[in-house]
């Protein structure tokens, strides 16, 4: 899967993060819910009953641990860990 590209004015640096137990390299210090989901799930499941949860720890913000919802973002650092789970509420 390709690395997430940085926005034009973002602070550019390589960050090594872990997404669902797999190391990934990204080039921006903030990731959105949608970007993390794309890093974790290929293809991204969809449908009226699909629920995706994203949790994180060791982030570069306070609180350093938490969850992301659609449209939210998190400041990362080397070693930030994400767990992404997709469930079907059937």
PDB file of N, CA and C in Angstrom:
ATOM      1  N   UNK A   1       0.852  -1.175   0.000  1.00  0.00           N
ATOM      2  CA  UNK A   1       0.000   0.000   0.000  1.00  0.00           C
ATOM      3  C   UNK A   1       0.892   1.229   0.000  1.00  0.00           C
ATOM      4  N   UNK A   2       0.572   2.233  -0.779  1.00  0.00           N
ATOM      5  CA  UNK A   2       1.407   3.433  -0.833  1.00  0.00           C
ATOM      6  C   UNK A   2       1.354   4.211   0.470  1.00  0.00           C
ATOM      7  N   UNK A   3       2.436   4.930   0.736  1.00  0.00           N
ATOM      8  CA  UNK A   3       2.485   5.778   1.922  1.00  0.00           C
ATOM      9  C   UNK A   3       1.525   6.943   1.772  1.00  0.00           C
ATOM     10  N   UNK A   4       1.043   7.436   2.905  1.00  0.00           N
ATOM     11  CA  UNK A   4       0.168   8.600   2.892  1.00  0.00           C
ATOM     12  C   UNK A   4       1.028   9.818   2.593  1.00  0.00           C
ATOM     13  N   UNK A   5       0.647  10.610   1.620  1.00  0.00           N
ATOM     14  CA  UNK A   5       1.422  11.791   1.229  1.00  0.00           C
ATOM     15  C   UNK A   5       1.106  12.969   2.126  1.00  0.00           C
ATOM     16  N   UNK A   6       2.072  13.825   2.284  1.00  0.00           N
ATOM     17  CA  UNK A   6       1.903  15.002   3.127  1.00  0.00           C
ATOM     18  C   UNK A   6       1.192  16.111   2.369  1.00  0.00           C
ATOM     19  N   UNK A   7       0.473  16.918   3.105  1.00  0.00           N
ATOM     20  CA  UNK A   7      -0.143  18.112   2.538  1.00  0.00           C
ATOM     21  C   UNK A   7       0.968  19.110   2.218  1.00  0.00           C
ATOM     22  N   UNK A   8       0.742  20.059   1.299  1.00  0.00           N
ATOM     23  CA  UNK A   8       1.806  20.963   0.862  1.00  0.00           C
ATOM     24  C   UNK A   8       2.511  21.716   1.981  1.00  0.00           C
ATOM     25  N   UNK A   9       1.802  22.154   3.007  1.00  0.00           N
ATOM     26  CA  UNK A   9       2.427  22.944   4.061  1.00  0.00           C
ATOM     27  C   UNK A   9       2.650  22.156   5.344  1.00  0.00           C
ATOM     28  N   UNK A  10       2.459  20.853   5.311  1.00  0.00           N
ATOM     29  CA  UNK A  10       2.632  20.043   6.511  1.00  0.00           C
ATOM     30  C   UNK A  10       4.120  19.906   6.842  1.00  0.00           C
ATOM     31  N   UNK A  11       4.399  19.672   8.108  1.00  0.00           N
ATOM     32  CA  UNK A  11       5.763  19.419   8.550  1.00  0.00           C
ATOM     33  C   UNK A  11       6.178  18.062   8.002  1.00  0.00           C
ATOM     34  N   UNK A  12       7.133  18.028   7.070  1.00  0.00           N
ATOM     35  CA  UNK A  12       7.509  16.783   6.413  1.00  0.00           C
ATOM     36  C   UNK A  12       8.652  16.101   7.144  1.00  0.00           C
ATOM     37  N   UNK A  13       8.436  14.832   7.409  1.00  0.00           N
ATOM     38  CA  UNK A  13       9.400  13.990   8.088  1.00  0.00           C
ATOM     39  C   UNK A  13       8.894  12.565   7.944  1.00  0.00           C
ATOM     40  N   UNK A  14       9.758  11.592   8.067  1.00  0.00           N
ATOM     41  CA  UNK A  14       9.313  10.203   8.056  1.00  0.00           C
ATOM     42  C   UNK A  14       8.950   9.781   9.471  1.00  0.00           C
ATOM     43  N   UNK A  15       7.773   9.209   9.622  1.00  0.00           N
ATOM     44  CA  UNK A  15       7.302   8.694  10.903  1.00  0.00           C
ATOM     45  C   UNK A  15       7.032   7.209  10.740  1.00  0.00           C
ATOM     46  N   UNK A  16       7.616   6.413  11.615  1.00  0.00           N
ATOM     47  CA  UNK A  16       7.343   4.977  11.618  1.00  0.00           C
ATOM     48  C   UNK A  16       6.269   4.718  12.667  1.00  0.00           C
ATOM     49  N   UNK A  17       5.134   4.221  12.199  1.00  0.00           N
ATOM     50  CA  UNK A  17       4.006   3.933  13.072  1.00  0.00           C
ATOM     51  C   UNK A  17       3.636   2.461  12.908  1.00  0.00           C
ATOM     52  N   UNK A  18       2.757   1.976  13.770  1.00  0.00           N
ATOM     53  CA  UNK A  18       2.283   0.600  13.689  1.00  0.00           C
ATOM     54  C   UNK A  18       0.774   0.638  13.513  1.00  0.00           C
ATOM     55  N   UNK A  19       0.297  -0.038  12.467  1.00  0.00           N
ATOM     56  CA  UNK A  19      -1.134  -0.102  12.179  1.00  0.00           C
ATOM     57  C   UNK A  19      -1.509  -1.577  12.099  1.00  0.00           C
ATOM     58  N   UNK A  20      -2.347  -2.016  13.024  1.00  0.00           N
ATOM     59  CA  UNK A  20      -2.749  -3.429  13.092  1.00  0.00           C
ATOM     60  C   UNK A  20      -1.532  -4.360  13.054  1.00  0.00           C
ATOM     61  N   UNK A  21      -0.557  -4.057  13.895  1.00  0.00           N
ATOM     62  CA  UNK A  21       0.650  -4.869  14.096  1.00  0.00           C
ATOM     63  C   UNK A  21       1.616  -4.850  12.904  1.00  0.00           C
ATOM     64  N   UNK A  22       1.398  -3.952  11.950  1.00  0.00           N
ATOM     65  CA  UNK A  22       2.308  -3.830  10.802  1.00  0.00           C
ATOM     66  C   UNK A  22       2.937  -2.448  10.790  1.00  0.00           C
ATOM     67  N   UNK A  23       4.255  -2.408  10.626  1.00  0.00           N
ATOM     68  CA  UNK A  23       4.940  -1.116  10.585  1.00  0.00           C
ATOM     69  C   UNK A  23       4.650  -0.418   9.262  1.00  0.00           C
ATOM     70  N   UNK A  24       4.348   0.863   9.363  1.00  0.00           N
ATOM     71  CA  UNK A  24       4.091   1.706   8.189  1.00  0.00           C
ATOM     72  C   UNK A  24       4.929   2.967   8.334  1.00  0.00           C
ATOM     73  N   UNK A  25       5.285   3.568   7.199  1.00  0.00           N
ATOM     74  CA  UNK A  25       5.975   4.851   7.203  1.00  0.00           C
ATOM     75  C   UNK A  25       5.064   5.882   6.567  1.00  0.00           C
ATOM     76  N   UNK A  26       4.874   7.000   7.263  1.00  0.00           N
ATOM     77  CA  UNK A  26       4.080   8.106   6.733  1.00  0.00           C
ATOM     78  C   UNK A  26       4.942   9.355   6.768  1.00  0.00           C
ATOM     79  N   UNK A  27       4.515  10.391   6.049  1.00  0.00           N
ATOM     80  CA  UNK A  27       5.352  11.581   5.885  1.00  0.00           C
ATOM     81  C   UNK A  27       4.672  12.847   6.386  1.00  0.00           C
ATOM     82  N   UNK A  28       3.800  12.703   7.359  1.00  0.00           N
ATOM     83  CA  UNK A  28       3.129  13.867   7.937  1.00  0.00           C
ATOM     84  C   UNK A  28       2.913  13.596   9.413  1.00  0.00           C
ATOM     85  N   UNK A  29       2.792  14.669  10.197  1.00  0.00           N
ATOM     86  CA  UNK A  29       2.693  14.504  11.645  1.00  0.00           C
ATOM     87  C   UNK A  29       1.263  14.427  12.159  1.00  0.00           C
ATOM     88  N   UNK A  30       0.289  14.493  11.278  1.00  0.00           N
ATOM     89  CA  UNK A  30      -1.116  14.366  11.657  1.00  0.00           C
ATOM     90  C   UNK A  30      -1.799  13.420  10.677  1.00  0.00           C
ATOM     91  N   UNK A  31      -2.573  12.476  11.222  1.00  0.00           N
ATOM     92  CA  UNK A  31      -3.334  11.552  10.383  1.00  0.00           C
ATOM     93  C   UNK A  31      -4.809  11.645  10.738  1.00  0.00           C
ATOM     94  N   UNK A  32      -5.647  11.557   9.727  1.00  0.00           N
ATOM     95  CA  UNK A  32      -7.092  11.561   9.948  1.00  0.00           C
ATOM     96  C   UNK A  32      -7.587  10.130  10.133  1.00  0.00           C
ATOM     97  N   UNK A  33      -8.802  10.014  10.643  1.00  0.00           N
ATOM     98  CA  UNK A  33      -9.475   8.723  10.758  1.00  0.00           C
ATOM     99  C   UNK A  33      -9.433   7.997   9.419  1.00  0.00           C
ATOM    100  N   UNK A  34      -9.796   8.697   8.368  1.00  0.00           N
ATOM    101  CA  UNK A  34      -9.878   8.091   7.038  1.00  0.00           C
ATOM    102  C   UNK A  34      -8.514   7.605   6.542  1.00  0.00           C
ATOM    103  N   UNK A  35      -7.454   8.367   6.810  1.00  0.00           N
ATOM    104  CA  UNK A  35      -6.110   7.960   6.387  1.00  0.00           C
ATOM    105  C   UNK A  35      -5.660   6.704   7.125  1.00  0.00           C
ATOM    106  N   UNK A  36      -5.931   6.648   8.424  1.00  0.00           N
ATOM    107  CA  UNK A  36      -5.548   5.466   9.205  1.00  0.00           C
ATOM    108  C   UNK A  36      -6.308   4.236   8.712  1.00  0.00           C
ATOM    109  N   UNK A  37      -7.594   4.397   8.427  1.00  0.00           N
ATOM    110  CA  UNK A  37      -8.397   3.275   7.925  1.00  0.00           C
ATOM    111  C   UNK A  37      -7.828   2.772   6.604  1.00  0.00           C
ATOM    112  N   UNK A  38      -7.456   3.674   5.708  1.00  0.00           N
ATOM    113  CA  UNK A  38      -6.884   3.259   4.417  1.00  0.00           C
ATOM    114  C   UNK A  38      -5.547   2.537   4.593  1.00  0.00           C
ATOM    115  N   UNK A  39      -4.766   2.933   5.598  1.00  0.00           N
ATOM    116  CA  UNK A  39      -3.509   2.242   5.866  1.00  0.00           C
ATOM    117  C   UNK A  39      -3.752   0.828   6.398  1.00  0.00           C
ATOM    118  N   UNK A  40      -4.855   0.636   7.107  1.00  0.00           N
ATOM    119  CA  UNK A  40      -5.123  -0.644   7.768  1.00  0.00           C
ATOM    120  C   UNK A  40      -5.892  -1.630   6.912  1.00  0.00           C
ATOM    121  N   UNK A  41      -6.851  -1.143   6.144  1.00  0.00           N
ATOM    122  CA  UNK A  41      -7.788  -2.029   5.452  1.00  0.00           C
ATOM    123  C   UNK A  41      -7.749  -1.802   3.949  1.00  0.00           C
ATOM    124  N   UNK A  42      -7.492  -2.861   3.205  1.00  0.00           N
ATOM    125  CA  UNK A  42      -7.469  -2.769   1.748  1.00  0.00           C
ATOM    126  C   UNK A  42      -8.135  -4.007   1.177  1.00  0.00           C
ATOM    127  N   UNK A  43      -9.307  -3.898   0.641  1.00  0.00           N
ATOM    128  CA  UNK A  43     -10.084  -2.670   0.450  1.00  0.00           C
ATOM    129  C   UNK A  43     -10.805  -2.276   1.742  1.00  0.00           C
ATOM    130  N   UNK A  44     -11.193  -1.019   1.821  1.00  0.00           N
ATOM    131  CA  UNK A  44     -11.959  -0.536   2.969  1.00  0.00           C
ATOM    132  C   UNK A  44     -13.383  -1.058   2.826  1.00  0.00           C
ATOM    133  N   UNK A  45     -13.877  -1.801   3.825  1.00  0.00           N
ATOM    134  CA  UNK A  45     -15.244  -2.314   3.724  1.00  0.00           C
ATOM    135  C   UNK A  45     -16.258  -1.179   3.775  1.00  0.00           C
ATOM    136  N   UNK A  46     -17.378  -1.381   3.112  1.00  0.00           N
ATOM    137  CA  UNK A  46     -18.425  -0.362   3.125  1.00  0.00           C
ATOM    138  C   UNK A  46     -19.773  -1.049   3.200  1.00  0.00           C
ATOM    139  N   UNK A  47     -20.775  -0.272   3.445  1.00  0.00           N
ATOM    140  CA  UNK A  47     -22.126  -0.794   3.527  1.00  0.00           C
ATOM    141  C   UNK A  47     -22.848  -0.195   4.709  1.00  0.00           C
ATOM    142  N   UNK A  48     -24.157  -0.330   4.732  1.00  0.00           N
ATOM    143  CA  UNK A  48     -24.951   0.316   5.778  1.00  0.00           C
ATOM    144  C   UNK A  48     -24.700  -0.238   7.173  1.00  0.00           C
ATOM    145  N   UNK A  49     -24.199  -1.466   7.275  1.00  0.00           N
ATOM    146  CA  UNK A  49     -24.009  -2.079   8.589  1.00  0.00           C
ATOM    147  C   UNK A  49     -22.556  -2.162   9.025  1.00  0.00           C
ATOM    148  N   UNK A  50     -21.638  -1.587   8.249  1.00  0.00           N
ATOM    149  CA  UNK A  50     -20.211  -1.657   8.582  1.00  0.00           C
ATOM    150  C   UNK A  50     -19.871  -0.553   9.576  1.00  0.00           C
ATOM    151  N   UNK A  51     -19.219  -0.958  10.665  1.00  0.00           N
ATOM    152  CA  UNK A  51     -18.750  -0.020  11.685  1.00  0.00           C
ATOM    153  C   UNK A  51     -17.241  -0.187  11.801  1.00  0.00           C
ATOM    154  N   UNK A  52     -16.506   0.907  11.664  1.00  0.00           N
ATOM    155  CA  UNK A  52     -15.046   0.867  11.766  1.00  0.00           C
ATOM    156  C   UNK A  52     -14.637   1.648  13.006  1.00  0.00           C
ATOM    157  N   UNK A  53     -13.830   1.004  13.852  1.00  0.00           N
ATOM    158  CA  UNK A  53     -13.321   1.675  15.042  1.00  0.00           C
ATOM    159  C   UNK A  53     -11.805   1.809  14.923  1.00  0.00           C
ATOM    160  N   UNK A  54     -11.300   2.960  15.347  1.00  0.00           N
ATOM    161  CA  UNK A  54      -9.862   3.242  15.323  1.00  0.00           C
ATOM    162  C   UNK A  54      -9.447   3.673  16.721  1.00  0.00           C
ATOM    163  N   UNK A  55      -8.515   2.940  17.303  1.00  0.00           N
ATOM    164  CA  UNK A  55      -7.950   3.350  18.586  1.00  0.00           C
ATOM    165  C   UNK A  55      -6.455   3.593  18.391  1.00  0.00           C
ATOM    166  N   UNK A  56      -5.888   4.433  19.257  1.00  0.00           N
ATOM    167  CA  UNK A  56      -4.465   4.764  19.144  1.00  0.00           C
ATOM    168  C   UNK A  56      -3.852   4.879  20.521  1.00  0.00           C
ATOM    169  N   UNK A  57      -2.517   4.729  20.550  1.00  0.00           N
ATOM    170  CA  UNK A  57      -1.748   4.959  21.777  1.00  0.00           C
ATOM    171  C   UNK A  57      -0.371   5.475  21.396  1.00  0.00           C
ATOM    172  N   UNK A  58       0.265   6.115  22.340  1.00  0.00           N
ATOM    173  CA  UNK A  58       1.597   6.713  22.134  1.00  0.00           C
ATOM    174  C   UNK A  58       1.576   7.823  21.079  1.00  0.00           C
ATOM    175  N   UNK A  59       0.514   8.609  21.051  1.00  0.00           N
ATOM    176  CA  UNK A  59       0.430   9.731  20.110  1.00  0.00           C
ATOM    177  C   UNK A  59       1.205  10.927  20.655  1.00  0.00           C
ATOM    178  N   UNK A  60       1.441  11.909  19.806  1.00  0.00           N
ATOM    179  CA  UNK A  60       2.167  13.124  20.185  1.00  0.00           C
ATOM    180  C   UNK A  60       1.160  14.220  20.523  1.00  0.00           C
ATOM    181  N   UNK A  61       0.300  13.932  21.452  1.00  0.00           N
ATOM    182  CA  UNK A  61      -0.732  14.873  21.881  1.00  0.00           C
ATOM    183  C   UNK A  61      -1.250  14.417  23.234  1.00  0.00           C
ATOM    184  N   UNK A  62      -2.066  15.238  23.831  1.00  0.00           N
ATOM    185  CA  UNK A  62      -2.739  14.854  25.068  1.00  0.00           C
ATOM    186  C   UNK A  62      -4.229  14.822  24.793  1.00  0.00           C
ATOM    187  N   UNK A  63      -4.925  13.743  25.077  1.00  0.00           N
ATOM    188  CA  UNK A  63      -4.370  12.499  25.606  1.00  0.00           C
ATOM    189  C   UNK A  63      -3.611  11.728  24.538  1.00  0.00           C
ATOM    190  N   UNK A  64      -2.618  10.958  24.968  1.00  0.00           N
ATOM    191  CA  UNK A  64      -1.794  10.179  24.043  1.00  0.00           C
ATOM    192  C   UNK A  64      -2.476   8.890  23.611  1.00  0.00           C
ATOM    193  N   UNK A  65      -3.520   8.497  24.321  1.00  0.00           N
ATOM    194  CA  UNK A  65      -4.284   7.293  23.999  1.00  0.00           C
ATOM    195  C   UNK A  65      -5.731   7.692  23.783  1.00  0.00           C
ATOM    196  N   UNK A  66      -6.415   7.003  22.863  1.00  0.00           N
ATOM    197  CA  UNK A  66      -7.824   7.321  22.651  1.00  0.00           C
ATOM    198  C   UNK A  66      -8.378   6.654  21.413  1.00  0.00           C
ATOM    199  N   UNK A  67      -9.492   7.193  20.945  1.00  0.00           N
ATOM    200  CA  UNK A  67     -10.144   6.676  19.747  1.00  0.00           C
ATOM    201  C   UNK A  67     -10.392   7.827  18.782  1.00  0.00           C
ATOM    202  N   UNK A  68     -10.498   7.482  17.513  1.00  0.00           N
ATOM    203  CA  UNK A  68     -10.814   8.460  16.475  1.00  0.00           C
ATOM    204  C   UNK A  68     -12.179   8.139  15.894  1.00  0.00           C
ATOM    205  N   UNK A  69     -12.917   9.171  15.566  1.00  0.00           N
ATOM    206  CA  UNK A  69     -14.186   9.042  14.858  1.00  0.00           C
ATOM    207  C   UNK A  69     -14.030   9.665  13.479  1.00  0.00           C
ATOM    208  N   UNK A  70     -14.977   9.400  12.610  1.00  0.00           N
ATOM    209  CA  UNK A  70     -14.964   9.958  11.261  1.00  0.00           C
ATOM    210  C   UNK A  70     -14.735  11.463  11.321  1.00  0.00           C
ATOM    211  N   UNK A  71     -13.782  11.953  10.531  1.00  0.00           N
ATOM    212  CA  UNK A  71     -13.493  13.380  10.466  1.00  0.00           C
ATOM    213  C   UNK A  71     -12.494  13.879  11.491  1.00  0.00           C
ATOM    214  N   UNK A  72     -12.120  13.062  12.463  1.00  0.00           N
ATOM    215  CA  UNK A  72     -11.157  13.485  13.480  1.00  0.00           C
ATOM    216  C   UNK A  72      -9.738  13.151  13.036  1.00  0.00           C
ATOM    217  N   UNK A  73      -8.754  13.764  13.719  1.00  0.00           N
ATOM    218  CA  UNK A  73      -7.352  13.502  13.406  1.00  0.00           C
ATOM    219  C   UNK A  73      -6.551  13.393  14.697  1.00  0.00           C
ATOM    220  N   UNK A  74      -5.321  12.894  14.568  1.00  0.00           N
ATOM    221  CA  UNK A  74      -4.438  12.714  15.714  1.00  0.00           C
ATOM    222  C   UNK A  74      -3.028  13.112  15.307  1.00  0.00           C
ATOM    223  N   UNK A  75      -2.312  13.757  16.229  1.00  0.00           N
ATOM    224  CA  UNK A  75      -0.901  14.083  16.006  1.00  0.00           C
ATOM    225  C   UNK A  75      -0.085  12.858  16.375  1.00  0.00           C
ATOM    226  N   UNK A  76       0.792  12.441  15.468  1.00  0.00           N
ATOM    227  CA  UNK A  76       1.555  11.216  15.688  1.00  0.00           C
ATOM    228  C   UNK A  76       3.015  11.518  15.967  1.00  0.00           C
ATOM    229  N   UNK A  77       3.724  10.471  16.366  1.00  0.00           N
ATOM    230  CA  UNK A  77       5.173  10.495  16.520  1.00  0.00           C
ATOM    231  C   UNK A  77       5.663   9.098  16.175  1.00  0.00           C
ATOM    232  N   UNK A  78       6.972   8.927  16.072  1.00  0.00           N
ATOM    233  CA  UNK A  78       7.507   7.588  15.851  1.00  0.00           C
ATOM    234  C   UNK A  78       7.006   6.676  16.961  1.00  0.00           C
ATOM    235  N   UNK A  79       6.475   5.517  16.572  1.00  0.00           N
ATOM    236  CA  UNK A  79       6.000   4.555  17.556  1.00  0.00           C
ATOM    237  C   UNK A  79       4.534   4.653  17.900  1.00  0.00           C
ATOM    238  N   UNK A  80       3.800   5.604  17.314  1.00  0.00           N
ATOM    239  CA  UNK A  80       2.356   5.650  17.547  1.00  0.00           C
ATOM    240  C   UNK A  80       1.753   4.352  17.024  1.00  0.00           C
ATOM    241  N   UNK A  81       0.834   3.777  17.807  1.00  0.00           N
ATOM    242  CA  UNK A  81       0.233   2.485  17.478  1.00  0.00           C
ATOM    243  C   UNK A  81      -1.262   2.665  17.247  1.00  0.00           C
ATOM    244  N   UNK A  82      -1.752   2.109  16.141  1.00  0.00           N
ATOM    245  CA  UNK A  82      -3.176   2.155  15.805  1.00  0.00           C
ATOM    246  C   UNK A  82      -3.734   0.743  15.711  1.00  0.00           C
ATOM    247  N   UNK A  83      -4.959   0.581  16.183  1.00  0.00           N
ATOM    248  CA  UNK A  83      -5.715  -0.650  15.985  1.00  0.00           C
ATOM    249  C   UNK A  83      -6.997  -0.270  15.268  1.00  0.00           C
ATOM    250  N   UNK A  84      -7.224  -0.888  14.110  1.00  0.00           N
ATOM    251  CA  UNK A  84      -8.400  -0.596  13.290  1.00  0.00           C
ATOM    252  C   UNK A  84      -9.187  -1.890  13.135  1.00  0.00           C
ATOM    253  N   UNK A  85     -10.487  -1.828  13.483  1.00  0.00           N
ATOM    254  CA  UNK A  85     -11.344  -3.004  13.404  1.00  0.00           C
ATOM    255  C   UNK A  85     -12.607  -2.640  12.643  1.00  0.00           C
ATOM    256  N   UNK A  86     -12.954  -3.477  11.674  1.00  0.00           N
ATOM    257  CA  UNK A  86     -14.210  -3.309  10.935  1.00  0.00           C
ATOM    258  C   UNK A  86     -15.147  -4.434  11.346  1.00  0.00           C
ATOM    259  N   UNK A  87     -16.378  -4.071  11.702  1.00  0.00           N
ATOM    260  CA  UNK A  87     -17.380  -5.070  12.064  1.00  0.00           C
ATOM    261  C   UNK A  87     -18.634  -4.832  11.244  1.00  0.00           C
ATOM    262  N   UNK A  88     -19.400  -5.885  11.063  1.00  0.00           N
ATOM    263  CA  UNK A  88     -20.663  -5.815  10.333  1.00  0.00           C
ATOM    264  C   UNK A  88     -21.777  -6.005  11.347  1.00  0.00           C
ATOM    265  N   UNK A  89     -22.565  -4.967  11.563  1.00  0.00           N
ATOM    266  CA  UNK A  89     -23.629  -5.000  12.570  1.00  0.00           C
ATOM    267  C   UNK A  89     -24.872  -5.707  12.033  1.00  0.00           C
ATOM    268  N   UNK A  90     -24.700  -6.878  11.454  1.00  0.00           N
ATOM    269  CA  UNK A  90     -25.856  -7.569  10.886  1.00  0.00           C
ATOM    270  C   UNK A  90     -26.623  -8.333  11.940  1.00  0.00           C
TER     271      UNK A  90
END
